[in-house]
Amino acid sequence: MSRHFNTAGPCKPDLHYMVPAAGRIPGVQELVETQSYFVLHAPRQSGKTTAILESAAELMATGRYAAAVVSVEPGAAFDTVGEAELAILSGWRSDLRGRLPAELGLPALPDTAPGGRIRDALGLWAAACPLPLVVFVDEIDSLAPEVLSSVLKQIRSGFPGRPQAFPHSMALVGMRDVRDSALVSGGTARVLNKDISPFNVSAESLTLAAFTRAEIVALYGQHTADTGQAFTAAAIDRVVECTSGQPYLVNALAREAVRANPDAAVDIGDVDRAREALIVRRVTHLVSLAERLRDPRVRRVMEAVMAGNFADGFEDDDLRYALELGLVRAPATGGIEFANSIYREVIPRVLAGRAQQSIPALQEHVAVTPAGYGRPRRSLAGFRLHSLGRATFG
């Protein structure tokens, strides 16, 4: 089966072109060897799950560790700790099926009280495992605030028992750095000093960098080696310009371009057409982006970026949140800007959606003569009547 550019779910080496994880998150091996607990955070669809699956496989290949990737996302549907814990542990059994030999997997668990099930499960798992246990916990920030706080506290309370009675090493993986999150009144999370966080045992906070130009060249080179279809240097430069190395967009542009023109080298025009096609079709990544803009915290930052006014209008945590979501970036030259040129085009379109939706209703007020010439006075009068009596922009 031929490989292809992946835009859905984790990459698999036999199915997809991919950038090796080791170069994207260096230092994991050292953290594991020192029994460290750490955080890996990066924007959605930037390759986090692919990276941790590859890291776990590399650790398993050494024969020195039992390394597993599990997700807490099944618990995201629940607001109560007890229900979330049961859903999480059921999901873990499903995650581990086929990934670990039975003797390394999660053992049968006693019926323990809510608020301690995750701690007890990890402790029993580590005690029963014949090798030092390394656990990568994905989607950690998908949990409701109370549930997240409980899970973090349970891991913290079990931490002193490592490596015999708790995992040798753990990584908590998500979009946000959970070291800086703490539950406050009203059940909301905000940034606090990591020393008073529910998870203050983390040795490091790692992130996934965007693809460099060299990594994009290597990624696209895999397609060329498999198919003979090349990417011109100008095409790669345009991809870098359009995406700033955002992994999903790098793959999506290539996927679109090679499909549209399979019999010739991919040039700058093919990339431009692929870019427009992604925007017009509102691919999954961009739909997810639009959903993020419904959040008032994100919207405040986006509006400030478009206006070029950062003096007021949003809190520091709003900006931090938008940065961690990968929507904006802070260049070395100063200021805040959209993370890439595709976002720079899409985000204002989404934010202006309500105004755009009102435009068809205004068309009835555009007065023209039978010959097709405009009648400005009558049109302006109509606009005023529309705005006063029916709707306004904004």
Protein backbone atom coordinates (compact mmCIF):
# COMPACT_ATOMS: atom_id res chain seq x y z
CA MET A 1 0.00 0.00 0.00
CA SER A 2 1.39 3.41 -0.97
CA ARG A 3 1.93 6.10 1.64
CA HIS A 4 0.18 9.45 1.61
CA PHE A 5 0.03 12.80 3.40
CA ASN A 6 -2.00 12.38 6.56
CA THR A 7 -4.63 14.87 7.71
CA ALA A 8 -6.68 12.63 10.04
CA GLY A 9 -5.42 11.14 13.28
CA PRO A 10 -1.98 9.89 14.30
CA CYS A 11 0.54 9.02 11.59
CA LYS A 12 1.60 5.44 10.94
CA PRO A 13 5.00 4.88 9.28
CA ASP A 14 3.65 2.27 6.85
CA LEU A 15 0.76 4.50 5.72
CA HIS A 16 1.93 8.08 6.00
CA TYR A 17 4.82 10.39 5.27
CA MET A 18 6.00 11.71 8.62
CA VAL A 19 8.66 13.70 10.42
CA PRO A 20 10.41 11.56 13.10
CA ALA A 21 9.22 12.41 16.60
CA ALA A 22 12.67 12.18 18.20
CA GLY A 23 13.79 15.42 16.59
CA ARG A 24 10.58 17.24 17.53
CA ILE A 25 10.60 16.44 21.26
CA PRO A 26 14.24 15.86 22.23
CA GLY A 27 14.99 14.96 25.82
CA VAL A 28 12.24 12.41 26.44
CA GLN A 29 14.73 9.57 26.90
CA GLU A 30 16.65 11.53 29.54
CA LEU A 31 13.46 12.47 31.40
CA VAL A 32 12.36 8.84 31.49
CA GLU A 33 15.76 7.65 32.70
CA THR A 34 15.64 10.12 35.61
CA GLN A 35 12.12 8.98 36.66
CA SER A 36 10.74 12.40 35.75
CA TYR A 37 7.13 13.44 35.31
CA PHE A 38 6.70 16.05 32.58
CA VAL A 39 4.21 17.92 30.42
CA LEU A 40 3.99 17.99 26.61
CA HIS A 41 1.71 20.65 25.22
CA ALA A 42 1.14 21.94 21.70
CA PRO A 43 -1.76 23.16 19.52
CA ARG A 44 -4.32 20.74 18.15
CA GLN A 45 -3.29 18.75 15.07
CA SER A 46 0.39 19.50 15.51
CA GLY A 47 1.45 15.87 15.90
CA LYS A 48 1.33 15.31 19.68
CA THR A 49 -0.28 11.87 19.58
CA THR A 50 1.97 10.73 16.75
CA ALA A 51 5.02 11.89 18.71
CA ILE A 52 4.11 10.11 21.93
CA LEU A 53 3.14 6.89 20.16
CA GLU A 54 6.53 6.90 18.46
CA SER A 55 8.29 7.74 21.73
CA ALA A 56 6.53 4.88 23.50
CA ALA A 57 7.50 2.49 20.70
CA GLU A 58 11.13 3.59 20.92
CA LEU A 59 11.16 3.03 24.69
CA MET A 60 9.59 -0.41 24.28
CA ALA A 61 12.19 -1.29 21.65
CA THR A 62 14.97 -0.85 24.21
CA GLY A 63 13.55 -3.75 26.22
CA ARG A 64 14.07 -1.75 29.42
CA TYR A 65 10.61 -0.23 29.85
CA ALA A 66 6.93 -0.95 29.48
CA ALA A 67 5.68 2.23 27.76
CA ALA A 68 2.05 2.94 26.95
CA VAL A 69 -0.10 5.74 25.55
CA VAL A 70 -3.55 6.15 27.11
CA SER A 71 -6.16 8.90 26.81
CA VAL A 72 -8.44 10.51 29.38
CA GLU A 73 -10.76 11.85 26.68
CA PRO A 74 -13.54 9.31 27.51
CA GLY A 75 -13.91 11.16 30.80
CA ALA A 76 -14.46 14.50 29.10
CA ALA A 77 -18.20 13.87 28.78
CA PHE A 78 -18.66 13.81 32.56
CA ASP A 79 -18.66 16.59 35.14
CA THR A 80 -18.50 14.35 38.20
CA VAL A 81 -15.24 12.73 39.26
CA GLY A 82 -16.63 9.25 39.86
CA GLU A 83 -18.32 8.91 36.45
CA ALA A 84 -15.29 10.35 34.67
CA GLU A 85 -12.91 7.95 36.42
CA LEU A 86 -14.92 4.89 35.34
CA ALA A 87 -15.05 6.11 31.74
CA ILE A 88 -11.31 6.85 31.74
CA LEU A 89 -10.32 3.43 33.08
CA SER A 90 -12.62 1.68 30.61
CA GLY A 91 -10.97 3.69 27.86
CA TRP A 92 -7.51 2.74 29.09
CA ARG A 93 -8.31 -0.96 28.76
CA SER A 94 -9.39 -0.29 25.19
CA ASP A 95 -6.29 1.82 24.48
CA LEU A 96 -3.95 -0.89 25.76
CA ARG A 97 -5.56 -3.75 23.89
CA GLY A 98 -3.05 -4.75 21.21
CA ARG A 99 -0.49 -2.12 22.26
CA LEU A 100 1.00 -4.00 25.20
CA PRO A 101 1.46 -7.72 25.97
CA ALA A 102 -1.07 -8.90 28.54
CA GLU A 103 1.58 -9.27 31.25
CA LEU A 104 2.46 -5.57 30.91
CA GLY A 105 -1.09 -4.26 30.74
CA LEU A 106 -3.49 -2.80 33.28
CA PRO A 107 -4.43 -5.45 35.88
CA ALA A 108 -7.92 -6.07 37.26
CA LEU A 109 -8.87 -3.32 39.66
CA PRO A 110 -10.77 -3.43 42.94
CA ASP A 111 -13.89 -1.32 43.37
CA THR A 112 -12.40 1.72 45.07
CA ALA A 113 -14.05 4.97 46.07
CA PRO A 114 -14.41 7.90 43.65
CA GLY A 115 -11.58 10.39 43.82
CA GLY A 116 -8.88 7.74 44.10
CA ARG A 117 -9.48 5.35 41.23
CA ILE A 118 -6.86 6.82 38.89
CA ARG A 119 -4.20 6.82 41.63
CA ASP A 120 -5.03 3.25 42.63
CA ALA A 121 -5.08 2.02 39.03
CA LEU A 122 -1.68 3.53 38.26
CA GLY A 123 -0.23 2.21 41.52
CA LEU A 124 -1.46 -1.36 40.98
CA TRP A 125 -0.35 -1.25 37.35
CA ALA A 126 3.18 -0.16 38.28
CA ALA A 127 3.42 -2.75 41.08
CA ALA A 128 2.30 -5.60 38.83
CA CYS A 129 4.39 -4.64 35.79
CA PRO A 130 7.69 -6.57 35.50
CA LEU A 131 9.38 -3.57 33.84
CA PRO A 132 9.56 0.10 34.87
CA LEU A 133 6.26 1.60 33.70
CA VAL A 134 6.17 4.73 31.53
CA VAL A 135 2.73 6.22 30.83
CA PHE A 136 1.87 8.97 28.32
CA VAL A 137 -1.56 10.41 29.23
CA ASP A 138 -3.10 12.09 26.19
CA GLU A 139 -5.86 14.76 26.04
CA ILE A 140 -5.29 15.69 29.68
CA ASP A 141 -6.84 19.14 29.29
CA SER A 142 -10.05 17.78 27.76
CA LEU A 143 -11.42 17.08 31.25
CA ALA A 144 -13.92 19.25 33.10
CA PRO A 145 -12.15 21.50 35.65
CA GLU A 146 -13.18 19.54 38.77
CA VAL A 147 -12.22 16.24 37.13
CA LEU A 148 -8.90 17.60 35.89
CA SER A 149 -8.08 18.93 39.34
CA SER A 150 -8.85 15.53 40.90
CA VAL A 151 -6.78 13.58 38.38
CA LEU A 152 -3.80 15.90 38.80
CA LYS A 153 -3.99 15.66 42.59
CA GLN A 154 -4.20 11.86 42.41
CA ILE A 155 -1.07 11.70 40.26
CA ARG A 156 0.70 14.10 42.57
CA SER A 157 -0.22 12.02 45.64
CA GLY A 158 1.08 8.83 44.01
CA PHE A 159 4.28 10.42 42.72
CA PRO A 160 6.44 9.68 45.82
CA GLY A 161 5.77 5.94 45.39
CA ARG A 162 7.51 5.68 42.03
CA PRO A 163 8.97 3.49 40.58
CA GLN A 164 7.83 0.42 42.54
CA ALA A 165 4.35 1.59 43.55
CA PHE A 166 3.63 4.20 40.88
CA PRO A 167 4.74 4.72 37.26
CA HIS A 168 8.49 5.16 36.78
CA SER A 169 7.81 8.19 34.54
CA MET A 170 4.71 9.96 33.22
CA ALA A 171 3.91 12.56 30.59
CA LEU A 172 0.72 14.60 30.57
CA VAL A 173 -0.14 15.62 27.02
CA GLY A 174 -2.56 18.27 25.82
CA MET A 175 -2.97 21.71 24.28
CA ARG A 176 -2.33 23.64 27.49
CA ASP A 177 0.40 23.43 30.08
CA VAL A 178 -1.51 21.89 32.99
CA ARG A 179 1.24 22.87 35.42
CA ASP A 180 -0.10 26.41 35.23
CA SER A 181 -3.77 25.56 35.67
CA ALA A 182 -5.60 25.46 38.96
CA LEU A 183 -9.26 25.19 39.86
CA VAL A 184 -10.73 28.35 41.30
CA SER A 185 -14.18 29.33 42.49
CA GLY A 186 -17.00 28.72 40.04
CA GLY A 187 -15.39 25.64 38.54
CA THR A 188 -13.23 27.51 36.07
CA ALA A 189 -9.53 27.16 35.41
CA ARG A 190 -7.08 30.02 35.26
CA VAL A 191 -3.32 30.38 35.21
CA LEU A 192 -1.60 30.31 38.57
CA ASN A 193 1.92 29.87 39.81
CA LYS A 194 3.00 26.27 39.22
CA ASP A 195 4.06 25.98 42.88
CA ILE A 196 0.38 26.01 43.93
CA SER A 197 -0.91 24.01 40.96
CA PRO A 198 -2.57 20.62 41.50
CA PHE A 199 0.33 19.24 39.43
CA ASN A 200 3.54 20.73 40.75
CA VAL A 201 5.76 17.63 40.42
CA SER A 202 6.59 18.16 36.75
CA ALA A 203 10.28 18.41 35.93
CA GLU A 204 9.88 19.89 32.47
CA SER A 205 7.31 21.39 30.13
CA LEU A 206 7.98 20.46 26.52
CA THR A 207 6.27 21.62 23.37
CA LEU A 208 6.25 20.60 19.73
CA ALA A 209 7.77 23.16 17.42
CA ALA A 210 6.32 23.85 14.00
CA PHE A 211 7.99 22.11 11.07
CA THR A 212 11.14 23.82 9.85
CA ARG A 213 11.77 24.29 6.16
CA ALA A 214 14.28 21.42 6.30
CA GLU A 215 11.66 19.15 7.86
CA ILE A 216 9.14 20.09 5.17
CA VAL A 217 11.73 19.32 2.49
CA ALA A 218 12.36 15.92 4.11
CA LEU A 219 8.62 15.22 4.45
CA TYR A 220 7.87 16.09 0.83
CA GLY A 221 10.99 14.23 -0.24
CA GLN A 222 9.42 11.01 1.03
CA HIS A 223 6.60 11.51 -1.47
CA THR A 224 9.10 12.20 -4.24
CA ALA A 225 11.05 9.04 -3.39
CA ASP A 226 7.84 6.95 -3.44
CA THR A 227 6.19 8.42 -6.54
CA GLY A 228 8.76 10.45 -8.47
CA GLN A 229 6.64 13.59 -8.16
CA ALA A 230 8.81 16.48 -6.99
CA PHE A 231 8.09 19.78 -5.25
CA THR A 232 9.89 22.81 -6.64
CA ALA A 233 11.86 25.03 -4.28
CA ALA A 234 9.39 27.85 -4.99
CA ALA A 235 6.49 25.59 -4.01
CA ILE A 236 8.14 24.71 -0.71
CA ASP A 237 8.86 28.37 -0.01
CA ARG A 238 5.18 29.14 -0.59
CA VAL A 239 4.14 26.32 1.77
CA VAL A 240 6.40 27.78 4.46
CA GLU A 241 4.92 31.22 3.85
CA CYS A 242 1.32 29.97 3.97
CA THR A 243 1.62 27.66 6.97
CA SER A 244 4.60 28.82 9.04
CA GLY A 245 5.22 25.09 9.45
CA GLN A 246 1.87 24.19 11.08
CA PRO A 247 1.92 20.37 10.61
CA TYR A 248 -1.71 19.83 9.59
CA LEU A 249 -1.60 22.62 7.03
CA VAL A 250 1.76 21.42 5.65
CA ASN A 251 0.27 17.99 5.04
CA ALA A 252 -3.09 19.28 3.81
CA LEU A 253 -1.56 21.59 1.19
CA ALA A 254 0.63 18.78 -0.13
CA ARG A 255 -2.25 16.30 -0.17
CA GLU A 256 -4.43 18.71 -2.15
CA ALA A 257 -1.66 19.72 -4.57
CA VAL A 258 -0.50 16.21 -5.49
CA ARG A 259 -4.07 15.03 -6.01
CA ALA A 260 -4.94 17.96 -8.26
CA ASN A 261 -1.83 17.63 -10.44
CA PRO A 262 -0.40 14.10 -10.11
CA ASP A 263 1.55 14.05 -13.38
CA ALA A 264 3.82 17.06 -12.91
CA ALA A 265 6.09 18.60 -10.32
CA VAL A 266 4.21 20.61 -7.72
CA ASP A 267 4.90 24.31 -8.31
CA ILE A 268 3.91 27.54 -6.61
CA GLY A 269 0.65 27.79 -8.55
CA ASP A 270 -0.41 24.34 -7.37
CA VAL A 271 0.20 25.39 -3.75
CA ASP A 272 -1.83 28.58 -4.22
CA ARG A 273 -4.75 26.63 -5.69
CA ALA A 274 -4.53 24.08 -2.88
CA ARG A 275 -4.53 26.88 -0.32
CA GLU A 276 -7.68 28.42 -1.78
CA ALA A 277 -9.38 25.02 -1.98
CA LEU A 278 -8.75 24.35 1.71
CA ILE A 279 -10.15 27.75 2.67
CA VAL A 280 -13.24 27.47 0.46
CA ARG A 281 -14.01 23.90 1.57
CA ARG A 282 -13.53 24.79 5.26
CA VAL A 283 -11.63 21.57 5.95
CA THR A 284 -11.92 19.99 9.40
CA HIS A 285 -8.97 21.89 10.82
CA LEU A 286 -10.45 25.23 9.82
CA VAL A 287 -13.90 24.28 11.13
CA SER A 288 -12.26 23.48 14.47
CA LEU A 289 -10.53 26.85 14.27
CA ALA A 290 -13.89 28.57 13.76
CA GLU A 291 -15.26 26.82 16.86
CA ARG A 292 -12.36 28.15 18.91
CA LEU A 293 -13.32 31.68 17.90
CA ARG A 294 -16.62 31.31 19.74
CA ASP A 295 -14.68 31.47 23.00
CA PRO A 296 -14.78 35.09 24.23
CA ARG A 297 -11.18 34.83 25.47
CA VAL A 298 -9.98 33.90 21.99
CA ARG A 299 -12.24 36.38 20.24
CA ARG A 300 -10.90 39.27 22.31
CA VAL A 301 -7.33 38.49 21.30
CA MET A 302 -8.20 38.01 17.62
CA GLU A 303 -10.04 41.31 17.46
CA ALA A 304 -7.07 43.07 19.07
CA VAL A 305 -4.69 41.50 16.53
CA MET A 306 -6.86 42.66 13.64
CA ALA A 307 -7.12 46.16 15.11
CA GLY A 308 -3.44 46.31 16.00
CA ASN A 309 -4.37 47.47 19.50
CA PHE A 310 -2.95 45.45 22.41
CA ALA A 311 -3.27 48.12 25.08
CA ASP A 312 -6.50 46.72 26.51
CA GLY A 313 -9.40 44.43 25.75
CA PHE A 314 -7.97 41.12 26.98
CA GLU A 315 -6.18 39.61 29.95
CA ASP A 316 -2.68 38.10 29.89
CA ASP A 317 -4.25 34.66 30.26
CA ASP A 318 -6.39 35.30 27.16
CA LEU A 319 -3.22 35.87 25.18
CA ARG A 320 -1.48 32.87 26.72
CA TYR A 321 -4.48 30.73 25.82
CA ALA A 322 -4.50 31.92 22.20
CA LEU A 323 -0.74 31.29 21.96
CA GLU A 324 -1.08 27.76 23.33
CA LEU A 325 -3.90 27.04 20.87
CA GLY A 326 -1.50 28.03 18.09
CA LEU A 327 -3.77 30.76 16.74
CA VAL A 328 -1.27 33.59 17.17
CA ARG A 329 2.45 33.93 17.66
CA ALA A 330 4.81 36.42 19.22
CA PRO A 331 7.62 37.08 16.70
CA ALA A 332 11.08 38.07 17.87
CA THR A 333 10.51 41.52 16.40
CA GLY A 334 7.74 42.14 18.93
CA GLY A 335 3.98 42.35 18.89
CA ILE A 336 1.39 39.62 18.24
CA GLU A 337 0.32 38.31 14.84
CA PHE A 338 -1.73 35.49 13.36
CA ALA A 339 0.18 32.20 13.42
CA ASN A 340 0.23 31.88 9.62
CA SER A 341 -1.17 33.48 6.49
CA ILE A 342 -4.02 30.98 6.16
CA TYR A 343 -5.26 31.86 9.63
CA ARG A 344 -4.78 35.53 8.75
CA GLU A 345 -7.32 35.08 5.97
CA VAL A 346 -9.72 32.67 7.64
CA ILE A 347 -10.06 34.23 11.10
CA PRO A 348 -11.29 37.67 9.94
CA ARG A 349 -13.76 35.92 7.61
CA VAL A 350 -15.18 33.94 10.52
CA LEU A 351 -15.34 36.94 12.85
CA ALA A 352 -17.03 38.99 10.13
CA GLY A 353 -19.53 36.22 9.41
CA ARG A 354 -22.50 38.01 10.95
CA ALA A 355 -21.88 41.11 8.86
CA GLN A 356 -21.42 39.03 5.73
CA GLN A 357 -24.71 37.24 6.38
CA SER A 358 -26.53 40.57 6.38
CA ILE A 359 -25.22 41.58 2.97
CA PRO A 360 -27.82 39.67 0.86
CA ALA A 361 -30.62 41.46 2.70
CA LEU A 362 -29.06 44.79 1.74
CA GLN A 363 -28.95 44.01 -1.96
CA GLU A 364 -32.61 45.00 -2.41
CA HIS A 365 -31.62 48.58 -1.56
CA VAL A 366 -29.03 48.89 -4.33
CA ALA A 367 -30.89 50.97 -6.91
CA VAL A 368 -29.90 50.81 -10.60
CA THR A 369 -31.39 52.22 -13.75
CA PRO A 370 -32.77 49.92 -16.49
CA ALA A 371 -29.47 50.45 -18.32
CA GLY A 372 -27.52 49.12 -15.33
CA TYR A 373 -26.20 52.41 -13.95
CA GLY A 374 -26.22 52.98 -10.19
CA ARG A 375 -28.45 55.49 -8.42
CA PRO A 376 -26.29 56.45 -5.43
CA ARG A 377 -28.80 58.69 -3.65
CA ARG A 378 -31.59 56.11 -3.71
CA SER A 379 -29.15 53.36 -2.66
CA LEU A 380 -27.85 55.39 0.30
CA ALA A 381 -31.39 56.17 1.39
CA GLY A 382 -32.19 52.47 1.30
CA PHE A 383 -29.14 51.57 3.35
CA ARG A 384 -30.18 54.11 6.01
CA LEU A 385 -33.71 52.70 6.16
CA HIS A 386 -32.30 49.15 6.41
CA SER A 387 -29.91 49.99 9.24
CA LEU A 388 -32.50 51.94 11.19
CA GLY A 389 -35.44 49.61 10.80
CA ARG A 390 -34.20 46.09 10.12
CA ALA A 391 -30.56 45.27 10.87
CA THR A 392 -27.12 46.68 11.33
CA PHE A 393 -23.64 45.48 10.59
CA GLY A 394 -21.60 43.87 13.37
